[in-house]
All heavy atoms as atom14 arrays in JSON, in Angstrom:
{
  "sequence": "LMYVTVYVTDQDRALAFYTEGLGLQKRIDYTGPDGRFLTVAAGDDP",
  "atom14_mask": [
    [1, 1, 1, 1, 1, 1, 1, 1, 0, 0, 0, 0, 0, 0],
    [1, 1, 1, 1, 1, 1, 1, 1, 0, 0, 0, 0, 0, 0],
    [1, 1, 1, 1, 1, 1, 1, 1, 1, 1, 1, 1, 0, 0],
    [1, 1, 1, 1, 1, 1, 1, 0, 0, 0, 0, 0, 0, 0],
    [1, 1, 1, 1, 1, 1, 1, 0, 0, 0, 0, 0, 0, 0],
    [1, 1, 1, 1, 1, 1, 1, 0, 0, 0, 0, 0, 0, 0],
    [1, 1, 1, 1, 1, 1, 1, 1, 1, 1, 1, 1, 0, 0],
    [1, 1, 1, 1, 1, 1, 1, 0, 0, 0, 0, 0, 0, 0],
    [1, 1, 1, 1, 1, 1, 1, 0, 0, 0, 0, 0, 0, 0],
    [1, 1, 1, 1, 1, 1, 1, 1, 0, 0, 0, 0, 0, 0],
    [1, 1, 1, 1, 1, 1, 1, 1, 1, 0, 0, 0, 0, 0],
    [1, 1, 1, 1, 1, 1, 1, 1, 0, 0, 0, 0, 0, 0],
    [1, 1, 1, 1, 1, 1, 1, 1, 1, 1, 1, 0, 0, 0],
    [1, 1, 1, 1, 1, 0, 0, 0, 0, 0, 0, 0, 0, 0],
    [1, 1, 1, 1, 1, 1, 1, 1, 0, 0, 0, 0, 0, 0],
    [1, 1, 1, 1, 1, 0, 0, 0, 0, 0, 0, 0, 0, 0],
    [1, 1, 1, 1, 1, 1, 1, 1, 1, 1, 1, 0, 0, 0],
    [1, 1, 1, 1, 1, 1, 1, 1, 1, 1, 1, 1, 0, 0],
    [1, 1, 1, 1, 1, 1, 1, 0, 0, 0, 0, 0, 0, 0],
    [1, 1, 1, 1, 1, 1, 1, 1, 1, 0, 0, 0, 0, 0],
    [1, 1, 1, 1, 0, 0, 0, 0, 0, 0, 0, 0, 0, 0],
    [1, 1, 1, 1, 1, 1, 1, 1, 0, 0, 0, 0, 0, 0],
    [1, 1, 1, 1, 0, 0, 0, 0, 0, 0, 0, 0, 0, 0],
    [1, 1, 1, 1, 1, 1, 1, 1, 0, 0, 0, 0, 0, 0],
    [1, 1, 1, 1, 1, 1, 1, 1, 1, 0, 0, 0, 0, 0],
    [1, 1, 1, 1, 1, 1, 1, 1, 1, 0, 0, 0, 0, 0],
    [1, 1, 1, 1, 1, 1, 1, 1, 1, 1, 1, 0, 0, 0],
    [1, 1, 1, 1, 1, 1, 1, 1, 0, 0, 0, 0, 0, 0],
    [1, 1, 1, 1, 1, 1, 1, 1, 0, 0, 0, 0, 0, 0],
    [1, 1, 1, 1, 1, 1, 1, 1, 1, 1, 1, 1, 0, 0],
    [1, 1, 1, 1, 1, 1, 1, 0, 0, 0, 0, 0, 0, 0],
    [1, 1, 1, 1, 0, 0, 0, 0, 0, 0, 0, 0, 0, 0],
    [1, 1, 1, 1, 1, 1, 1, 0, 0, 0, 0, 0, 0, 0],
    [1, 1, 1, 1, 1, 1, 1, 1, 0, 0, 0, 0, 0, 0],
    [1, 1, 1, 1, 0, 0, 0, 0, 0, 0, 0, 0, 0, 0],
    [1, 1, 1, 1, 1, 1, 1, 1, 1, 1, 1, 0, 0, 0],
    [1, 1, 1, 1, 1, 1, 1, 1, 1, 1, 1, 0, 0, 0],
    [1, 1, 1, 1, 1, 1, 1, 1, 0, 0, 0, 0, 0, 0],
    [1, 1, 1, 1, 1, 1, 1, 0, 0, 0, 0, 0, 0, 0],
    [1, 1, 1, 1, 1, 1, 1, 0, 0, 0, 0, 0, 0, 0],
    [1, 1, 1, 1, 1, 0, 0, 0, 0, 0, 0, 0, 0, 0],
    [1, 1, 1, 1, 1, 0, 0, 0, 0, 0, 0, 0, 0, 0],
    [1, 1, 1, 1, 0, 0, 0, 0, 0, 0, 0, 0, 0, 0],
    [1, 1, 1, 1, 1, 1, 1, 1, 0, 0, 0, 0, 0, 0],
    [1, 1, 1, 1, 1, 1, 1, 1, 0, 0, 0, 0, 0, 0],
    [1, 1, 1, 1, 1, 1, 1, 0, 0, 0, 0, 0, 0, 0]
  ],
  "atom14_positions": [
    [[308.23, 100.99, 22.61], [306.73, 101.18, 22.19], [306.11, 101.7, 23.61], [306.23, 101.27, 24.56], [306.13, 99.92, 21.81], [304.72, 100.04, 21.42], [304.44, 100.92, 20.17], [304.1, 98.67, 21.09], [0.0, 0.0, 0.0], [0.0, 0.0, 0.0], [0.0, 0.0, 0.0], [0.0, 0.0, 0.0], [0.0, 0.0, 0.0], [0.0, 0.0, 0.0]],
    [[305.43, 102.88, 23.33], [304.74, 103.62, 24.48], [303.33, 103.37, 24.59], [302.82, 102.9, 25.65], [305.08, 105.09, 24.22], [304.84, 105.96, 25.39], [305.31, 107.63, 24.86], [304.44, 108.62, 26.01], [0.0, 0.0, 0.0], [0.0, 0.0, 0.0], [0.0, 0.0, 0.0], [0.0, 0.0, 0.0], [0.0, 0.0, 0.0], [0.0, 0.0, 0.0]],
    [[302.53, 103.55, 23.47], [301.08, 103.31, 23.46], [300.73, 102.71, 22.14], [301.38, 102.73, 21.14], [300.32, 104.66, 23.45], [300.56, 105.51, 24.6], [301.25, 106.76, 24.41], [300.13, 105.15, 25.89], [301.4, 107.56, 25.53], [300.34, 106.02, 26.86], [300.93, 107.26, 26.74], [301.15, 108.15, 27.8], [0.0, 0.0, 0.0], [0.0, 0.0, 0.0]],
    [[299.53, 101.92, 22.25], [298.79, 101.49, 21.09], [297.32, 102.01, 21.19], [296.95, 102.09, 22.45], [298.85, 99.88, 20.79], [300.16, 99.51, 20.48], [298.12, 99.23, 22.03], [0.0, 0.0, 0.0], [0.0, 0.0, 0.0], [0.0, 0.0, 0.0], [0.0, 0.0, 0.0], [0.0, 0.0, 0.0], [0.0, 0.0, 0.0], [0.0, 0.0, 0.0]],
    [[296.51, 102.27, 20.32], [295.28, 102.83, 20.32], [294.17, 101.81, 19.89], [294.36, 101.13, 18.91], [295.17, 104.13, 19.51], [296.04, 104.97, 19.97], [293.72, 104.69, 19.73], [0.0, 0.0, 0.0], [0.0, 0.0, 0.0], [0.0, 0.0, 0.0], [0.0, 0.0, 0.0], [0.0, 0.0, 0.0], [0.0, 0.0, 0.0], [0.0, 0.0, 0.0]],
    [[293.29, 101.7, 20.75], [291.97, 100.86, 20.37], [290.78, 101.86, 20.38], [290.58, 102.48, 21.34], [291.81, 99.7, 21.39], [290.54, 99.05, 21.02], [293.04, 98.72, 21.29], [0.0, 0.0, 0.0], [0.0, 0.0, 0.0], [0.0, 0.0, 0.0], [0.0, 0.0, 0.0], [0.0, 0.0, 0.0], [0.0, 0.0, 0.0], [0.0, 0.0, 0.0]],
    [[290.19, 101.93, 19.22], [289.02, 102.88, 19.12], [287.73, 102.22, 19.71], [287.41, 101.0, 19.36], [288.78, 103.39, 17.8], [289.93, 104.18, 17.29], [290.95, 103.54, 16.43], [289.96, 105.45, 17.61], [291.92, 104.25, 15.95], [291.11, 106.14, 17.16], [292.13, 105.62, 16.28], [293.15, 106.47, 15.95], [0.0, 0.0, 0.0], [0.0, 0.0, 0.0]],
    [[286.99, 102.97, 20.58], [285.85, 102.47, 21.29], [284.74, 103.4, 21.19], [284.97, 104.52, 21.19], [286.28, 101.96, 22.75], [287.31, 101.01, 22.92], [286.61, 103.24, 23.6], [0.0, 0.0, 0.0], [0.0, 0.0, 0.0], [0.0, 0.0, 0.0], [0.0, 0.0, 0.0], [0.0, 0.0, 0.0], [0.0, 0.0, 0.0], [0.0, 0.0, 0.0]],
    [[283.48, 102.87, 21.25], [282.44, 103.74, 21.24], [282.0, 104.27, 22.64], [281.29, 105.23, 22.73], [281.2, 103.02, 20.55], [280.95, 101.88, 21.32], [281.49, 102.7, 19.03], [0.0, 0.0, 0.0], [0.0, 0.0, 0.0], [0.0, 0.0, 0.0], [0.0, 0.0, 0.0], [0.0, 0.0, 0.0], [0.0, 0.0, 0.0], [0.0, 0.0, 0.0]],
    [[282.32, 103.59, 23.67], [281.99, 104.05, 25.01], [283.23, 103.62, 25.88], [283.46, 102.57, 26.21], [280.75, 103.11, 25.5], [280.22, 103.4, 26.82], [281.16, 103.66, 27.73], [279.09, 103.53, 27.07], [0.0, 0.0, 0.0], [0.0, 0.0, 0.0], [0.0, 0.0, 0.0], [0.0, 0.0, 0.0], [0.0, 0.0, 0.0], [0.0, 0.0, 0.0]],
    [[283.87, 104.66, 26.41], [285.07, 104.54, 27.11], [284.8, 103.82, 28.53], [285.63, 102.91, 28.98], [285.86, 105.76, 27.44], [286.44, 106.29, 26.14], [287.15, 107.74, 26.38], [286.52, 108.69, 26.78], [288.49, 107.73, 26.15], [0.0, 0.0, 0.0], [0.0, 0.0, 0.0], [0.0, 0.0, 0.0], [0.0, 0.0, 0.0], [0.0, 0.0, 0.0]],
    [[283.68, 104.03, 29.09], [283.48, 103.4, 30.42], [283.25, 101.86, 30.28], [283.64, 101.1, 30.94], [282.31, 104.12, 31.1], [282.62, 105.57, 31.69], [283.79, 105.64, 32.11], [281.7, 106.35, 31.59], [0.0, 0.0, 0.0], [0.0, 0.0, 0.0], [0.0, 0.0, 0.0], [0.0, 0.0, 0.0], [0.0, 0.0, 0.0], [0.0, 0.0, 0.0]],
    [[282.46, 101.51, 29.15], [282.23, 100.17, 28.87], [283.45, 99.4, 28.51], [283.75, 98.35, 28.88], [281.14, 100.02, 27.82], [280.8, 98.59, 27.53], [279.77, 98.54, 26.34], [280.28, 99.0, 25.02], [279.67, 98.97, 23.91], [278.43, 98.53, 23.86], [280.43, 99.4, 22.86], [0.0, 0.0, 0.0], [0.0, 0.0, 0.0], [0.0, 0.0, 0.0]],
    [[284.37, 100.07, 27.66], [285.56, 99.57, 27.35], [286.47, 99.39, 28.56], [287.14, 98.33, 28.68], [286.29, 100.34, 26.35], [0.0, 0.0, 0.0], [0.0, 0.0, 0.0], [0.0, 0.0, 0.0], [0.0, 0.0, 0.0], [0.0, 0.0, 0.0], [0.0, 0.0, 0.0], [0.0, 0.0, 0.0], [0.0, 0.0, 0.0], [0.0, 0.0, 0.0]],
    [[286.46, 100.36, 29.46], [287.35, 100.3, 30.66], [287.03, 99.05, 31.52], [287.8, 98.44, 31.86], [287.21, 101.54, 31.53], [288.0, 101.55, 32.79], [289.51, 101.41, 32.37], [287.78, 102.92, 33.51], [0.0, 0.0, 0.0], [0.0, 0.0, 0.0], [0.0, 0.0, 0.0], [0.0, 0.0, 0.0], [0.0, 0.0, 0.0], [0.0, 0.0, 0.0]],
    [[285.7, 98.8, 31.72], [285.09, 97.65, 32.35], [285.57, 96.27, 31.7], [286.01, 95.38, 32.41], [283.66, 97.78, 32.55], [0.0, 0.0, 0.0], [0.0, 0.0, 0.0], [0.0, 0.0, 0.0], [0.0, 0.0, 0.0], [0.0, 0.0, 0.0], [0.0, 0.0, 0.0], [0.0, 0.0, 0.0], [0.0, 0.0, 0.0], [0.0, 0.0, 0.0]],
    [[285.44, 96.31, 30.48], [285.96, 95.08, 29.69], [287.37, 94.84, 29.95], [287.76, 93.67, 30.24], [285.7, 95.2, 28.2], [286.21, 94.05, 27.4], [285.64, 92.94, 27.28], [287.43, 94.29, 26.78], [286.04, 91.89, 26.52], [288.08, 93.23, 26.0], [287.36, 92.13, 25.83], [0.0, 0.0, 0.0], [0.0, 0.0, 0.0], [0.0, 0.0, 0.0]],
    [[288.19, 95.84, 29.73], [289.64, 95.56, 29.74], [290.22, 95.38, 31.28], [291.18, 94.7, 31.38], [290.48, 96.73, 29.13], [290.34, 96.65, 27.57], [289.35, 97.3, 26.96], [291.24, 95.91, 26.87], [289.18, 97.21, 25.43], [291.11, 95.8, 25.55], [290.08, 96.4, 24.78], [289.95, 96.32, 23.47], [0.0, 0.0, 0.0], [0.0, 0.0, 0.0]],
    [[289.54, 95.95, 32.22], [289.96, 95.82, 33.6], [289.31, 94.7, 34.29], [289.99, 93.81, 34.84], [289.82, 97.2, 34.41], [288.43, 97.61, 34.39], [290.77, 98.2, 33.8], [0.0, 0.0, 0.0], [0.0, 0.0, 0.0], [0.0, 0.0, 0.0], [0.0, 0.0, 0.0], [0.0, 0.0, 0.0], [0.0, 0.0, 0.0], [0.0, 0.0, 0.0]],
    [[287.96, 94.78, 34.39], [287.19, 93.76, 35.1], [287.31, 92.41, 34.32], [287.3, 91.26, 34.9], [285.82, 94.23, 35.32], [285.75, 95.41, 36.22], [284.26, 96.02, 36.28], [283.41, 95.31, 35.92], [284.31, 97.26, 36.67], [0.0, 0.0, 0.0], [0.0, 0.0, 0.0], [0.0, 0.0, 0.0], [0.0, 0.0, 0.0], [0.0, 0.0, 0.0]],
    [[287.15, 92.48, 32.98], [287.04, 91.27, 32.13], [288.47, 90.73, 31.98], [288.61, 89.58, 32.37], [0.0, 0.0, 0.0], [0.0, 0.0, 0.0], [0.0, 0.0, 0.0], [0.0, 0.0, 0.0], [0.0, 0.0, 0.0], [0.0, 0.0, 0.0], [0.0, 0.0, 0.0], [0.0, 0.0, 0.0], [0.0, 0.0, 0.0], [0.0, 0.0, 0.0]],
    [[289.27, 91.42, 31.23], [290.65, 90.89, 30.99], [291.56, 90.98, 32.14], [292.7, 90.36, 32.02], [291.25, 91.7, 29.69], [290.55, 91.36, 28.4], [291.25, 92.19, 27.29], [290.55, 89.86, 28.03], [0.0, 0.0, 0.0], [0.0, 0.0, 0.0], [0.0, 0.0, 0.0], [0.0, 0.0, 0.0], [0.0, 0.0, 0.0], [0.0, 0.0, 0.0]],
    [[291.31, 91.88, 33.04], [292.22, 91.93, 34.28], [293.39, 92.94, 34.16], [294.35, 92.84, 34.8], [0.0, 0.0, 0.0], [0.0, 0.0, 0.0], [0.0, 0.0, 0.0], [0.0, 0.0, 0.0], [0.0, 0.0, 0.0], [0.0, 0.0, 0.0], [0.0, 0.0, 0.0], [0.0, 0.0, 0.0], [0.0, 0.0, 0.0], [0.0, 0.0, 0.0]],
    [[293.34, 93.77, 33.15], [294.42, 94.76, 32.91], [294.22, 95.86, 33.92], [293.16, 95.91, 34.57], [294.34, 95.35, 31.57], [294.48, 94.4, 30.42], [294.47, 95.15, 29.03], [295.82, 93.58, 30.48], [0.0, 0.0, 0.0], [0.0, 0.0, 0.0], [0.0, 0.0, 0.0], [0.0, 0.0, 0.0], [0.0, 0.0, 0.0], [0.0, 0.0, 0.0]],
    [[295.25, 96.73, 34.13], [295.1, 97.78, 35.2], [294.94, 99.12, 34.54], [295.44, 99.43, 33.39], [296.55, 97.94, 35.92], [296.86, 96.59, 36.54], [298.36, 96.68, 37.17], [298.98, 97.6, 36.87], [298.67, 95.6, 37.91], [0.0, 0.0, 0.0], [0.0, 0.0, 0.0], [0.0, 0.0, 0.0], [0.0, 0.0, 0.0], [0.0, 0.0, 0.0]],
    [[294.02, 99.99, 35.08], [293.93, 101.34, 34.58], [295.16, 102.04, 34.98], [295.58, 101.99, 36.09], [292.65, 101.97, 35.14], [292.49, 103.35, 34.75], [291.11, 103.98, 35.15], [290.98, 104.26, 36.57], [289.94, 105.01, 36.97], [0.0, 0.0, 0.0], [0.0, 0.0, 0.0], [0.0, 0.0, 0.0], [0.0, 0.0, 0.0], [0.0, 0.0, 0.0]],
    [[295.73, 102.84, 33.97], [296.88, 103.59, 34.21], [296.63, 105.14, 34.27], [297.0, 105.76, 35.34], [297.95, 103.33, 33.2], [298.53, 101.98, 33.26], [299.73, 101.87, 34.26], [300.31, 100.56, 34.28], [301.23, 100.19, 33.49], [301.74, 100.91, 32.63], [301.71, 98.84, 33.66], [0.0, 0.0, 0.0], [0.0, 0.0, 0.0], [0.0, 0.0, 0.0]],
    [[295.98, 105.51, 33.25], [295.7, 107.03, 33.17], [294.32, 107.27, 32.89], [293.67, 106.57, 31.98], [296.48, 107.73, 32.08], [298.09, 107.5, 32.38], [296.24, 109.29, 31.88], [298.93, 107.98, 31.08], [0.0, 0.0, 0.0], [0.0, 0.0, 0.0], [0.0, 0.0, 0.0], [0.0, 0.0, 0.0], [0.0, 0.0, 0.0], [0.0, 0.0, 0.0]],
    [[293.67, 108.2, 33.6], [292.23, 108.71, 33.33], [292.2, 110.1, 33.48], [292.0, 110.58, 34.54], [291.26, 107.89, 34.26], [289.85, 108.02, 33.78], [289.56, 108.9, 32.9], [288.98, 107.3, 34.27], [0.0, 0.0, 0.0], [0.0, 0.0, 0.0], [0.0, 0.0, 0.0], [0.0, 0.0, 0.0], [0.0, 0.0, 0.0], [0.0, 0.0, 0.0]],
    [[292.47, 110.83, 32.42], [292.52, 112.28, 32.54], [291.6, 113.01, 31.41], [291.63, 112.54, 30.29], [293.96, 112.77, 32.2], [294.09, 114.15, 32.08], [294.1, 115.02, 33.23], [294.23, 114.86, 30.88], [294.21, 116.32, 33.09], [294.4, 116.23, 30.78], [294.31, 117.09, 31.85], [294.44, 118.33, 31.79], [0.0, 0.0, 0.0], [0.0, 0.0, 0.0]],
    [[290.67, 113.96, 31.97], [289.88, 114.53, 30.99], [290.3, 116.0, 30.84], [290.56, 116.7, 31.84], [288.4, 114.62, 31.57], [287.96, 113.24, 31.64], [287.53, 115.34, 30.57], [0.0, 0.0, 0.0], [0.0, 0.0, 0.0], [0.0, 0.0, 0.0], [0.0, 0.0, 0.0], [0.0, 0.0, 0.0], [0.0, 0.0, 0.0], [0.0, 0.0, 0.0]],
    [[290.68, 116.38, 29.68], [291.19, 117.71, 29.31], [290.52, 118.29, 28.15], [289.54, 117.7, 27.67], [0.0, 0.0, 0.0], [0.0, 0.0, 0.0], [0.0, 0.0, 0.0], [0.0, 0.0, 0.0], [0.0, 0.0, 0.0], [0.0, 0.0, 0.0], [0.0, 0.0, 0.0], [0.0, 0.0, 0.0], [0.0, 0.0, 0.0], [0.0, 0.0, 0.0]],
    [[291.13, 119.38, 27.59], [290.33, 120.11, 26.51], [290.37, 119.22, 25.28], [289.4, 119.52, 24.37], [291.3, 121.16, 26.27], [292.56, 121.0, 26.93], [292.24, 120.04, 28.13], [0.0, 0.0, 0.0], [0.0, 0.0, 0.0], [0.0, 0.0, 0.0], [0.0, 0.0, 0.0], [0.0, 0.0, 0.0], [0.0, 0.0, 0.0], [0.0, 0.0, 0.0]],
    [[291.22, 118.17, 25.07], [291.1, 117.3, 23.89], [290.26, 116.1, 24.07], [290.19, 115.26, 23.29], [292.52, 116.87, 23.56], [293.39, 118.18, 23.12], [292.94, 118.99, 22.53], [294.58, 118.07, 23.42], [0.0, 0.0, 0.0], [0.0, 0.0, 0.0], [0.0, 0.0, 0.0], [0.0, 0.0, 0.0], [0.0, 0.0, 0.0], [0.0, 0.0, 0.0]],
    [[289.71, 115.92, 25.3], [288.82, 114.78, 25.61], [289.47, 113.97, 26.64], [290.36, 114.36, 27.34], [0.0, 0.0, 0.0], [0.0, 0.0, 0.0], [0.0, 0.0, 0.0], [0.0, 0.0, 0.0], [0.0, 0.0, 0.0], [0.0, 0.0, 0.0], [0.0, 0.0, 0.0], [0.0, 0.0, 0.0], [0.0, 0.0, 0.0], [0.0, 0.0, 0.0]],
    [[288.93, 112.73, 26.87], [289.25, 111.92, 27.93], [290.45, 110.98, 27.42], [290.27, 110.22, 26.54], [288.08, 111.02, 28.39], [288.41, 110.11, 29.45], [287.05, 109.35, 29.91], [287.45, 108.56, 31.08], [286.64, 107.44, 31.48], [285.5, 107.28, 30.82], [286.83, 106.73, 32.46], [0.0, 0.0, 0.0], [0.0, 0.0, 0.0], [0.0, 0.0, 0.0]],
    [[291.63, 111.06, 28.13], [292.82, 110.31, 27.71], [292.72, 109.07, 28.76], [292.93, 109.31, 30.05], [294.0, 111.08, 27.83], [295.29, 110.2, 27.49], [295.51, 110.07, 26.1], [296.19, 109.83, 28.37], [296.55, 109.37, 25.63], [297.36, 109.06, 27.91], [297.54, 108.97, 26.59], [0.0, 0.0, 0.0], [0.0, 0.0, 0.0], [0.0, 0.0, 0.0]],
    [[292.45, 107.78, 28.38], [292.18, 106.76, 29.23], [293.09, 105.6, 28.78], [293.04, 105.2, 27.62], [290.74, 106.27, 29.15], [290.26, 105.07, 29.86], [290.53, 105.35, 31.4], [288.83, 104.81, 29.53], [0.0, 0.0, 0.0], [0.0, 0.0, 0.0], [0.0, 0.0, 0.0], [0.0, 0.0, 0.0], [0.0, 0.0, 0.0], [0.0, 0.0, 0.0]],
    [[293.94, 105.1, 29.65], [294.82, 104.0, 29.33], [294.79, 102.77, 30.32], [294.44, 103.0, 31.38], [296.33, 104.4, 29.23], [296.84, 104.54, 30.45], [296.48, 105.7, 28.19], [0.0, 0.0, 0.0], [0.0, 0.0, 0.0], [0.0, 0.0, 0.0], [0.0, 0.0, 0.0], [0.0, 0.0, 0.0], [0.0, 0.0, 0.0], [0.0, 0.0, 0.0]],
    [[295.12, 101.57, 29.73], [295.17, 100.44, 30.57], [296.47, 99.7, 30.05], [297.03, 99.92, 29.0], [293.89, 99.36, 30.26], [292.68, 100.15, 30.9], [293.8, 99.07, 28.89], [0.0, 0.0, 0.0], [0.0, 0.0, 0.0], [0.0, 0.0, 0.0], [0.0, 0.0, 0.0], [0.0, 0.0, 0.0], [0.0, 0.0, 0.0], [0.0, 0.0, 0.0]],
    [[296.91, 98.78, 30.98], [298.19, 97.97, 30.6], [298.16, 96.77, 31.44], [297.4, 96.56, 32.5], [299.39, 98.82, 30.93], [0.0, 0.0, 0.0], [0.0, 0.0, 0.0], [0.0, 0.0, 0.0], [0.0, 0.0, 0.0], [0.0, 0.0, 0.0], [0.0, 0.0, 0.0], [0.0, 0.0, 0.0], [0.0, 0.0, 0.0], [0.0, 0.0, 0.0]],
    [[298.91, 95.74, 30.99], [299.13, 94.46, 31.6], [300.17, 94.55, 32.7], [301.35, 94.83, 32.27], [299.34, 93.4, 30.6], [0.0, 0.0, 0.0], [0.0, 0.0, 0.0], [0.0, 0.0, 0.0], [0.0, 0.0, 0.0], [0.0, 0.0, 0.0], [0.0, 0.0, 0.0], [0.0, 0.0, 0.0], [0.0, 0.0, 0.0], [0.0, 0.0, 0.0]],
    [[299.83, 94.24, 33.85], [300.86, 94.27, 34.94], [301.83, 95.45, 34.97], [301.42, 96.57, 34.93], [0.0, 0.0, 0.0], [0.0, 0.0, 0.0], [0.0, 0.0, 0.0], [0.0, 0.0, 0.0], [0.0, 0.0, 0.0], [0.0, 0.0, 0.0], [0.0, 0.0, 0.0], [0.0, 0.0, 0.0], [0.0, 0.0, 0.0], [0.0, 0.0, 0.0]],
    [[303.11, 95.13, 35.01], [304.14, 96.26, 34.97], [304.63, 96.56, 33.69], [305.64, 97.32, 33.41], [305.34, 95.7, 35.88], [305.01, 95.74, 37.24], [304.18, 96.31, 37.79], [305.61, 94.82, 38.05], [0.0, 0.0, 0.0], [0.0, 0.0, 0.0], [0.0, 0.0, 0.0], [0.0, 0.0, 0.0], [0.0, 0.0, 0.0], [0.0, 0.0, 0.0]],
    [[303.93, 96.1, 32.51], [304.35, 96.32, 31.18], [304.3, 97.91, 31.03], [303.32, 98.51, 31.16], [303.42, 95.67, 30.15], [303.82, 95.63, 28.77], [304.54, 96.53, 28.28], [303.58, 94.64, 28.14], [0.0, 0.0, 0.0], [0.0, 0.0, 0.0], [0.0, 0.0, 0.0], [0.0, 0.0, 0.0], [0.0, 0.0, 0.0], [0.0, 0.0, 0.0]],
    [[305.36, 98.25, 30.25], [305.4, 99.72, 30.0], [304.64, 100.27, 28.86], [304.22, 101.42, 28.78], [306.94, 100.04, 29.76], [307.44, 98.77, 29.21], [306.68, 97.61, 29.96], [0.0, 0.0, 0.0], [0.0, 0.0, 0.0], [0.0, 0.0, 0.0], [0.0, 0.0, 0.0], [0.0, 0.0, 0.0], [0.0, 0.0, 0.0], [0.0, 0.0, 0.0]]
  ]
}
């Protein structure tokens, strides 16, 4: 399993919740022609 998707209304607010709140790590934060691709993960979990 590579990714799961959680739909959010505000990516910055969600990023703060998942990183500062739950303690996950930000992995990818890339803005391209399709929008912002933002991911988080637990520890070394792939």
